[in-house]
Protein backbone atom coordinates (compact mmCIF):
# COMPACT_ATOMS: atom_id res chain seq x y z
CA MET A 1 -0.03 0.18 0.14
CA THR A 2 1.54 3.54 -1.06
CA ASN A 3 0.77 6.57 1.03
CA GLU A 4 -1.65 7.60 -1.79
CA ASP A 5 -3.74 4.95 -1.10
CA ARG A 6 -3.62 5.00 2.70
CA SER A 7 -6.00 7.10 4.86
CA TYR A 8 -5.10 9.36 7.73
CA GLN A 9 -6.64 9.85 10.90
CA LEU A 10 -7.34 13.76 11.62
CA PRO A 11 -4.93 14.40 14.32
CA GLU A 12 -6.13 15.13 17.97
CA LYS A 13 -3.22 17.03 19.04
CA THR A 14 -0.78 19.79 17.68
CA LEU A 15 2.93 18.70 16.83
CA PRO A 16 5.48 19.20 19.51
CA ALA A 17 7.72 22.13 18.61
CA ILE A 18 10.73 24.43 19.52
CA SER A 19 10.11 28.07 19.63
CA PHE A 20 11.57 30.70 17.25
CA GLN A 21 13.03 32.21 20.35
CA ASP A 22 15.17 28.92 20.75
CA HIS A 23 15.95 28.77 17.16
CA ALA A 24 17.42 32.15 17.43
CA ALA A 25 19.31 31.16 20.62
CA ASP A 26 20.78 28.19 19.12
CA LEU A 27 21.92 30.26 15.81
CA ILE A 28 23.59 32.73 18.11
CA LYS A 29 25.41 30.08 20.05
CA PHE A 30 26.41 28.59 16.58
CA LYS A 31 27.62 32.00 15.31
CA GLU A 32 29.57 32.49 18.61
CA PHE A 33 31.08 29.09 18.34
CA VAL A 34 32.42 29.98 14.75
CA ASP A 35 33.61 33.29 16.01
CA ASP A 36 35.63 31.57 18.81
CA LEU A 37 37.44 29.65 16.34
CA GLY A 38 38.57 32.99 14.78
CA ILE A 39 36.35 32.48 11.67
CA LYS A 40 34.54 35.44 10.68
CA THR A 41 30.93 35.33 10.45
CA HIS A 42 30.00 38.86 9.46
CA ASN A 43 28.08 39.35 6.41
CA THR A 44 27.83 35.23 6.05
CA ARG A 45 24.86 33.13 5.66
CA ILE A 46 25.40 32.41 9.59
CA ALA A 47 24.84 36.19 10.24
CA ARG A 48 21.68 36.42 8.08
CA TYR A 49 20.17 33.24 9.34
CA THR A 50 20.50 34.71 12.84
CA GLN A 51 19.14 38.01 11.98
CA TYR A 52 16.02 36.26 10.32
CA PHE A 53 15.20 34.25 13.37
CA LEU A 54 15.81 37.14 15.90
CA GLN A 55 13.18 39.21 13.87
CA LEU A 56 10.83 36.18 13.63
CA ALA A 57 11.17 35.60 17.35
CA GLU A 58 10.33 39.32 18.06
CA GLY A 59 7.21 39.01 15.69
CA GLU A 60 8.75 41.59 13.38
CA LEU A 61 7.68 42.39 10.02
CA ILE A 62 10.55 40.79 7.84
CA ASP A 63 11.49 42.05 4.52
CA GLU A 64 13.58 38.72 3.36
CA ARG A 65 14.87 40.33 0.43
CA LYS A 66 16.71 43.04 2.29
CA ILE A 67 18.37 40.44 4.37
CA PHE A 68 19.09 37.66 1.57
CA LYS A 69 19.98 40.09 -1.26
CA ASN A 70 21.32 37.62 -3.68
CA VAL A 71 18.27 35.37 -3.76
CA ASN A 72 16.42 35.78 -7.04
CA ASP A 73 14.53 32.63 -7.44
CA ALA A 74 10.83 31.64 -8.21
CA ARG A 75 10.75 29.36 -5.22
CA PHE A 76 11.01 32.35 -2.81
CA GLN A 77 7.87 34.23 -3.15
CA SER A 78 5.80 34.29 0.02
CA ALA A 79 6.87 34.73 3.64
CA LEU A 80 5.95 30.87 4.08
CA ASP A 81 8.46 29.96 1.18
CA TRP A 82 11.19 31.77 2.87
CA GLN A 83 10.26 30.28 6.36
CA LEU A 84 10.54 26.79 5.04
CA TYR A 85 13.84 26.99 3.51
CA LEU A 86 15.26 28.99 6.37
CA LEU A 87 13.98 26.23 8.71
CA ARG A 88 15.84 23.75 6.62
CA GLU A 89 18.88 25.42 7.06
CA ALA A 90 18.50 26.25 10.71
CA HIS A 91 17.49 22.87 11.76
CA GLU A 92 20.79 21.21 10.13
CA LEU A 93 23.12 23.77 12.02
CA MET A 94 20.96 23.46 15.36
CA TRP A 95 21.47 19.67 14.95
CA ILE A 96 25.39 20.22 14.29
CA LEU A 97 25.47 22.38 17.43
CA ARG A 98 23.80 19.84 19.46
CA GLY A 99 26.79 17.53 18.88
CA LEU A 100 29.38 20.18 19.36
CA LYS A 101 28.09 20.94 22.83
CA LYS A 102 28.73 17.42 23.66
CA TYR A 103 32.43 16.83 21.92
CA VAL A 104 34.16 19.04 19.48
CA PRO A 105 35.91 16.63 16.93
CA LYS A 106 39.40 17.21 15.89
CA GLY A 107 39.51 18.99 12.65
CA ILE A 108 36.56 21.03 13.20
CA GLU A 109 38.01 24.64 12.20
CA GLU A 110 38.59 23.60 8.52
CA LYS A 111 35.17 21.99 8.35
CA ILE A 112 33.37 24.98 9.79
CA GLU A 113 35.20 27.35 7.57
CA LYS A 114 33.95 25.64 4.48
CA ILE A 115 30.32 25.63 5.87
CA VAL A 116 30.34 29.29 6.61
CA SER A 117 31.49 30.19 3.17
CA GLY A 118 28.39 28.38 1.39
CA SER A 119 25.69 30.02 -0.33
CA ASP A 120 22.38 31.07 1.69
CA PHE A 121 20.11 27.94 0.54
CA ALA A 122 20.94 24.37 -0.29
CA ALA A 123 18.29 24.58 -2.96
CA LEU A 124 20.45 27.38 -4.86
CA ASP A 125 23.81 25.90 -4.01
CA LYS A 126 25.86 25.23 -7.27
CA ASN A 127 29.31 24.71 -5.44
CA THR A 128 28.52 21.63 -3.34
CA GLU A 129 31.75 21.46 -1.29
CA SER A 130 30.09 23.70 1.66
CA ARG A 131 26.82 21.43 1.64
CA ASP A 132 28.98 18.21 1.27
CA THR A 133 31.16 19.22 4.49
CA GLN A 134 27.94 20.08 6.24
CA PHE A 135 26.41 16.81 5.68
CA GLU A 136 29.65 15.37 7.04
CA LEU A 137 29.06 17.57 10.08
CA ARG A 138 25.39 16.29 10.33
CA ILE A 139 26.46 12.87 10.39
CA ALA A 140 29.22 13.31 12.89
CA SER A 141 26.73 15.10 15.19
CA TYR A 142 25.22 11.57 15.96
CA PHE A 143 28.58 10.36 17.11
CA CYS A 144 29.46 13.39 19.15
CA GLN A 145 25.99 13.28 20.91
CA THR A 146 26.60 9.59 21.90
CA GLY A 147 29.97 9.92 23.74
CA CYS A 148 32.33 8.85 20.93
CA SER A 149 35.68 10.18 20.16
CA VAL A 150 35.55 11.83 16.85
CA ASP A 151 38.12 12.86 14.34
CA ILE A 152 37.20 14.59 11.15
CA SER A 153 40.73 15.74 10.08
CA THR A 154 41.85 12.66 8.17
CA ASP A 155 41.16 11.67 4.56
CA THR A 156 38.34 9.55 5.92
CA ASP A 157 35.44 11.89 6.35
CA ILE A 158 34.56 10.51 9.91
CA ILE A 159 36.52 8.21 12.54
CA ALA A 160 34.42 7.60 15.49
CA VAL A 161 35.65 5.40 18.23
CA THR A 162 33.64 3.88 21.03
CA ASP A 163 34.67 1.76 23.85
CA LYS A 164 33.99 -1.23 21.91
CA HIS A 165 34.51 -0.41 17.92
CA ALA A 166 35.92 1.94 15.69
CA PHE A 167 33.75 3.16 12.83
CA PHE A 168 35.16 4.70 9.71
CA VAL A 169 32.37 6.61 7.97
CA GLU A 170 32.37 8.11 4.31
CA CYS A 171 29.74 10.47 3.43
CA LYS A 172 28.19 11.09 0.02
CA ARG A 173 25.51 13.73 -1.44
CA ILE A 174 23.72 12.03 -4.32
CA ALA A 175 21.95 14.09 -6.72
CA GLY A 176 20.81 11.70 -9.42
CA SER A 177 20.02 8.24 -10.41
CA ARG A 178 23.29 7.70 -12.42
CA ASN A 179 25.14 9.17 -9.32
CA LEU A 180 23.93 6.63 -6.97
CA LYS A 181 26.07 3.64 -7.97
CA ASP A 182 29.24 5.85 -8.74
CA ASN A 183 29.06 7.46 -5.25
CA LEU A 184 28.18 4.48 -3.16
CA VAL A 185 30.77 2.29 -4.95
CA LYS A 186 33.41 5.01 -4.52
CA ALA A 187 32.52 5.20 -0.92
CA ARG A 188 33.31 1.59 -0.30
CA ASP A 189 36.33 1.66 -2.30
CA GLN A 190 37.50 4.70 -0.20
CA ILE A 191 36.62 2.61 3.07
CA VAL A 192 38.67 -0.56 1.69
CA LEU A 193 41.81 1.87 0.96
CA ARG A 194 41.79 3.80 4.19
CA MET A 195 40.45 1.34 7.06
CA PRO A 196 42.77 -0.87 8.97
CA LYS A 197 41.61 -4.04 10.44
CA ARG A 198 42.20 -2.57 13.94
CA TYR A 199 42.24 1.13 15.22
CA GLU A 200 43.33 2.16 18.67
CA GLU A 201 43.11 -1.70 19.66
CA LYS A 202 39.54 -1.83 18.54
CA HIS A 203 38.10 -3.61 15.48
CA ALA A 204 37.24 -1.35 12.51
CA PHE A 205 34.05 -1.18 10.60
CA GLY A 206 32.99 0.75 7.68
CA VAL A 207 29.91 2.77 7.05
CA ILE A 208 28.61 4.78 4.17
CA ALA A 209 26.12 7.58 4.85
CA ALA A 210 24.41 9.12 1.69
CA ASP A 211 22.30 12.26 1.61
CA VAL A 212 19.64 11.28 -1.13
CA THR A 213 17.28 14.22 -0.75
CA LYS A 214 17.89 15.37 -4.37
CA LEU A 215 17.74 11.88 -5.74
CA GLY A 216 14.35 11.46 -4.07
CA PHE A 217 12.97 14.94 -4.64
CA SER A 218 14.69 16.56 -7.75
CA HIS A 219 13.52 20.14 -7.09
CA ASN A 220 15.29 19.96 -3.73
CA GLY A 221 12.56 21.83 -2.33
CA LEU A 222 9.75 20.91 0.02
CA THR A 223 6.87 18.38 0.73
CA MET A 224 3.25 18.97 1.19
CA ALA A 225 1.35 16.64 3.34
CA LEU A 226 -2.21 16.09 4.88
CA THR A 227 -0.68 15.14 8.24
CA SER A 228 2.56 14.65 9.93
CA ASP A 229 2.34 10.85 9.44
CA HIS A 230 1.65 11.56 5.92
CA ALA A 231 4.75 13.60 5.33
CA ARG A 232 6.64 10.87 7.07
CA ASP A 233 5.47 8.18 4.53
CA VAL A 234 5.83 10.24 1.56
CA ILE A 235 9.57 10.56 2.36
CA GLN A 236 10.10 7.00 3.54
CA ASN A 237 8.37 5.61 0.48
CA LYS A 238 11.25 7.56 -1.35
CA LEU A 239 13.89 6.07 0.86
CA LYS A 240 12.46 2.53 0.37
CA ASP A 241 12.66 2.63 -3.27
CA ILE A 242 16.21 4.14 -3.20
CA LYS A 243 17.30 1.38 -0.59
CA ARG A 244 15.90 -1.40 -3.05
CA ARG A 245 18.18 -0.06 -5.78
CA ALA A 246 21.12 0.44 -3.63
CA TYR A 247 20.95 -3.07 -2.41
CA ALA A 248 21.56 -4.22 -6.04
CA LEU A 249 24.91 -2.63 -6.01
CA PRO A 250 28.16 -4.35 -4.90
CA ILE A 251 29.01 -2.11 -1.74
CA PHE A 252 29.04 -4.94 0.78
CA THR A 253 30.43 -7.49 -1.54
CA GLY A 254 33.18 -9.61 0.24
CA ARG A 255 33.66 -7.04 3.04
CA PRO A 256 31.65 -8.17 6.00
CA ASP A 257 33.43 -5.22 8.02
CA ILE A 258 31.64 -2.81 5.75
CA ILE A 259 28.51 -3.14 7.94
CA GLU A 260 25.86 -0.27 7.02
CA CYS A 261 24.71 2.10 4.31
CA LEU A 262 22.57 4.96 6.12
CA LEU A 263 20.35 6.77 3.46
CA GLN A 264 18.93 10.22 4.69
CA ILE A 265 16.55 12.73 3.22
CA HIS A 266 16.54 16.21 4.82
CA MET A 267 13.21 18.02 3.83
CA PRO A 268 10.92 20.88 4.96
CA SER A 269 7.19 19.91 5.09
CA VAL A 270 4.08 21.90 5.07
CA VAL A 271 1.44 19.78 7.05
CA ALA A 272 -2.23 20.63 6.69
CA TYR A 273 -3.56 19.19 9.89
CA PRO A 274 -3.06 20.76 11.86
CA PRO A 275 -1.49 23.50 10.04
CA ALA A 276 2.36 23.22 10.67
CA THR A 277 5.78 23.80 9.09
CA THR A 278 8.70 21.13 10.04
CA THR A 279 11.71 19.79 8.89
CA ARG A 280 12.27 15.89 8.73
CA PHE A 281 15.72 14.07 9.08
CA SER A 282 14.27 10.91 7.49
CA SER A 283 16.57 7.84 7.65
CA CYS A 284 16.63 4.33 6.24
CA SER A 285 19.45 1.72 6.50
CA LEU A 286 20.87 -0.87 4.45
CA ASN A 287 22.61 -3.68 6.60
CA ASN A 288 25.23 -6.01 5.40
CA LEU A 289 23.55 -9.28 5.33
CA LYS A 290 26.40 -11.28 5.15
CA VAL A 291 28.21 -10.51 8.55
CA ASP A 292 30.07 -12.18 11.36
CA ARG A 293 29.39 -11.87 15.03
CA LYS A 294 31.66 -9.15 15.59
CA SER A 295 30.05 -7.26 12.84
CA ARG A 296 26.61 -7.86 14.31
CA SER A 297 27.78 -6.41 17.53
CA ALA A 298 29.05 -3.43 15.74
CA ILE A 299 25.72 -3.00 13.84
CA ALA A 300 23.83 -2.99 17.18
CA GLU A 301 26.15 -0.19 18.61
CA LEU A 302 25.79 1.94 15.47
CA ASN A 303 22.00 1.58 15.54
CA SER A 304 21.97 3.09 19.02
CA ILE A 305 24.21 5.80 17.90
CA PHE A 306 21.82 6.73 15.10
CA ASN A 307 19.04 6.60 17.39
CA ALA A 308 20.25 9.96 18.73
CA GLY A 309 17.81 11.52 16.48
CA GLY A 310 15.05 10.35 18.72
CA ILE A 311 16.21 12.14 21.62
CA ILE A 312 13.81 14.85 22.69
CA ASP A 313 14.96 18.53 23.03
CA ASP A 314 14.00 19.50 26.65
CA ARG A 315 13.03 22.75 25.26
CA GLU A 316 10.45 21.33 23.04
CA ILE A 317 7.00 22.70 23.48
CA PRO A 318 4.46 19.55 24.20
CA ALA A 319 1.81 18.79 21.95
CA LYS A 320 -1.63 20.31 22.94
CA GLN A 321 -4.99 18.76 22.64
CA LEU A 322 -7.28 20.07 19.66
CA LYS A 323 -11.08 20.12 19.74
CA TYR A 324 -12.99 19.22 16.42
CA ARG A 325 -15.31 22.08 15.18
CA THR A 326 -18.78 20.57 14.99
CA THR A 327 -20.70 23.99 13.96
CA LEU A 328 -19.56 26.85 11.95
CA ASP A 329 -21.16 30.59 12.65
CA ILE A 330 -21.70 32.38 9.17
CA PRO A 331 -21.95 36.04 9.80
CA SER A 332 -24.57 37.98 7.63
CA GLY A 333 -23.02 39.20 4.35
CA THR A 334 -20.95 36.08 3.46
CA ASP A 335 -20.86 35.50 -0.26
CA PHE A 336 -20.72 32.34 -1.87
CA PHE A 337 -19.95 31.48 -5.58
CA LEU A 338 -20.19 28.16 -7.02
CA GLU A 339 -19.09 26.92 -10.48
CA GLN A 340 -22.27 24.59 -10.91
CA GLU A 341 -21.51 22.88 -14.15
CA LEU A 342 -18.10 21.92 -12.66
CA ILE A 343 -19.62 20.85 -9.30
CA THR A 344 -22.16 18.67 -11.28
CA ALA A 345 -19.59 17.06 -13.41
CA VAL A 346 -17.45 16.21 -10.36
CA LEU A 347 -20.37 15.07 -8.32
CA SER A 348 -21.48 12.83 -11.27
CA ASN A 349 -18.29 11.23 -11.70
CA PRO A 350 -15.79 11.79 -8.85
CA SER A 351 -13.06 9.55 -10.40
CA ASP A 352 -13.13 11.61 -13.67
CA GLU A 353 -9.50 12.66 -14.41
CA VAL A 354 -10.75 15.40 -17.05
CA ASN A 355 -10.84 17.95 -14.43
CA ALA A 356 -7.72 18.94 -12.83
CA PRO A 357 -7.76 18.53 -8.93
CA GLU A 358 -6.42 22.34 -8.39
CA LEU A 359 -9.43 23.67 -10.45
CA VAL A 360 -11.65 26.27 -8.24
CA VAL A 361 -15.15 24.71 -7.77
CA ALA A 362 -16.38 27.32 -5.40
CA SER A 363 -15.53 30.13 -3.03
CA MET A 364 -16.71 31.66 0.17
CA LYS A 365 -16.02 35.44 1.23
CA MET A 366 -16.47 35.63 5.10
CA ASN A 367 -15.07 38.58 7.02
CA ASP A 368 -13.36 40.15 4.23
CA VAL A 369 -11.46 36.83 3.55
CA THR A 370 -12.17 34.88 0.33
CA HIS A 371 -11.57 31.17 0.55
CA GLU A 372 -11.35 29.22 -2.72
CA PHE A 373 -11.93 25.32 -2.88
CA SER A 374 -10.79 23.12 -5.55
CA VAL A 375 -12.00 19.99 -7.35
CA MET A 376 -9.54 17.75 -5.03
CA GLU A 377 -11.50 19.54 -1.83
CA LEU A 378 -14.77 18.76 -3.16
CA ARG A 379 -13.88 14.98 -3.99
CA MET A 380 -12.66 14.78 -0.43
CA VAL A 381 -15.70 16.00 1.22
CA MET A 382 -18.01 13.82 -0.83
CA GLY A 383 -17.17 10.86 1.19
CA LYS A 384 -18.97 12.68 4.28
CA PHE A 385 -22.38 12.45 2.55
CA LYS A 386 -24.57 9.55 1.74
CA SER A 387 -25.09 8.52 -1.94
CA ASP A 388 -28.80 9.59 -1.99
CA GLN A 389 -27.63 12.92 -0.58
CA LEU A 390 -24.95 13.28 -3.62
CA ARG A 391 -27.53 12.29 -5.91
CA HIS A 392 -29.84 15.05 -4.48
CA PHE A 393 -27.09 17.63 -5.28
CA VAL A 394 -26.35 16.30 -8.64
CA MET A 395 -30.05 16.77 -9.52
CA ASN A 396 -30.72 20.03 -7.81
CA VAL A 397 -28.62 22.98 -8.95
CA SER A 398 -29.81 25.23 -6.30
CA SER A 399 -28.77 27.27 -3.15
CA GLU A 400 -28.76 23.85 -1.21
CA ARG A 401 -25.09 23.24 -2.68
CA ILE A 402 -23.97 25.79 -0.23
CA GLU A 403 -23.66 23.04 1.98
CA LEU A 404 -20.93 21.48 0.00
CA VAL A 405 -19.01 24.60 0.31
CA ILE A 406 -19.57 24.93 4.18
CA ARG A 407 -18.46 21.28 4.57
CA MET A 408 -15.41 22.14 2.60
CA PHE A 409 -14.53 25.20 4.52
CA MET A 410 -14.96 22.78 7.89
CA GLN A 411 -12.82 20.13 6.19
CA ARG A 412 -9.81 22.73 5.53
CA TYR A 413 -10.22 24.36 9.02
CA PRO A 414 -11.54 21.23 11.24
CA TYR A 415 -10.50 22.84 14.65
CA GLU A 416 -12.25 25.32 16.90
CA ASN A 417 -9.00 27.26 17.25
CA SER A 418 -8.23 27.09 13.53
CA GLN A 419 -7.06 30.26 11.85
CA TYR A 420 -10.55 30.90 10.23
């Protein structure tokens, strides 16, 4: 069953979240960490992110184009567009900071200098070195957070040592299908070349980490979803497809000491119910199926390290109970507009693909705000009516159809504390 076939329950609680004040505080701490290394942050993306989130936390009206003067791309239009792309950038830096608070790896200075010099947004970055390095630090953060000794100063991207094992990690960002084999096999070859059998008196094991965001979503932008679970499934389905293709590649062949390939997608999401913006670090692992006892022990420890992503931030605002809307007070003067012929066509044949799902079938102007409703929303709301009611709506082109518009409004804004 795909996520398109699956139905999702309307959530009864808000999503847990971290305040914009805490976003700004973390970015200030990250900026201070960089400054303390002697690396200038003035007039860099780090300073611009910090300025944006400070203004957002204060509730100020933000002119994003005054902060990010070099961004001239069609994907950056509304305030929500900017916020989503900036959340993606901020959350990755906040995750890296979370690791640096626990352990500062050897070689951090050179890596930080590279990420500071990058362009403002990953979606617009043509020189990949800065984001390649940032991905290495994202993966290194898992090891830093879980008590490992971490070295990022060698030819190997990450060497992480625990009490029991040493992990040699090669990181790759993969942009397209043709690059999948080349990059994963290259990572394997690099591990074979650079990893000894033992390191600091511990057995050494190879790990491949691959950011496949652009492979899964070529626009490198954002996902739209009905619920948080729906957003999770959209991304996980992409990861599972890439995992299936990766298993066909010779990345583990003849090497029981190369134990895992971690696939990861980092995407901002707009969730409809309840309305929220979020960023997901979604992961999926391929394990070497032909391993010995020592390798199985290393895989178990590695899994516990990568579970650091599930550790809850103690600043997290807990989920709040939501109350479903059961009635709607419509003020006098509310105007309704219905595309009657289009409504009849959809009601008569809801599976008809001739009418595009984004076509507007009706609108409602209430309290000086106009709400437009689409073919897709009409198809969704039809499931709330009995078949004889739908037949009645088909046969009667009258003001009774306003009930359909009201139901679409309540479907879009289902909670008592909804925006409208």
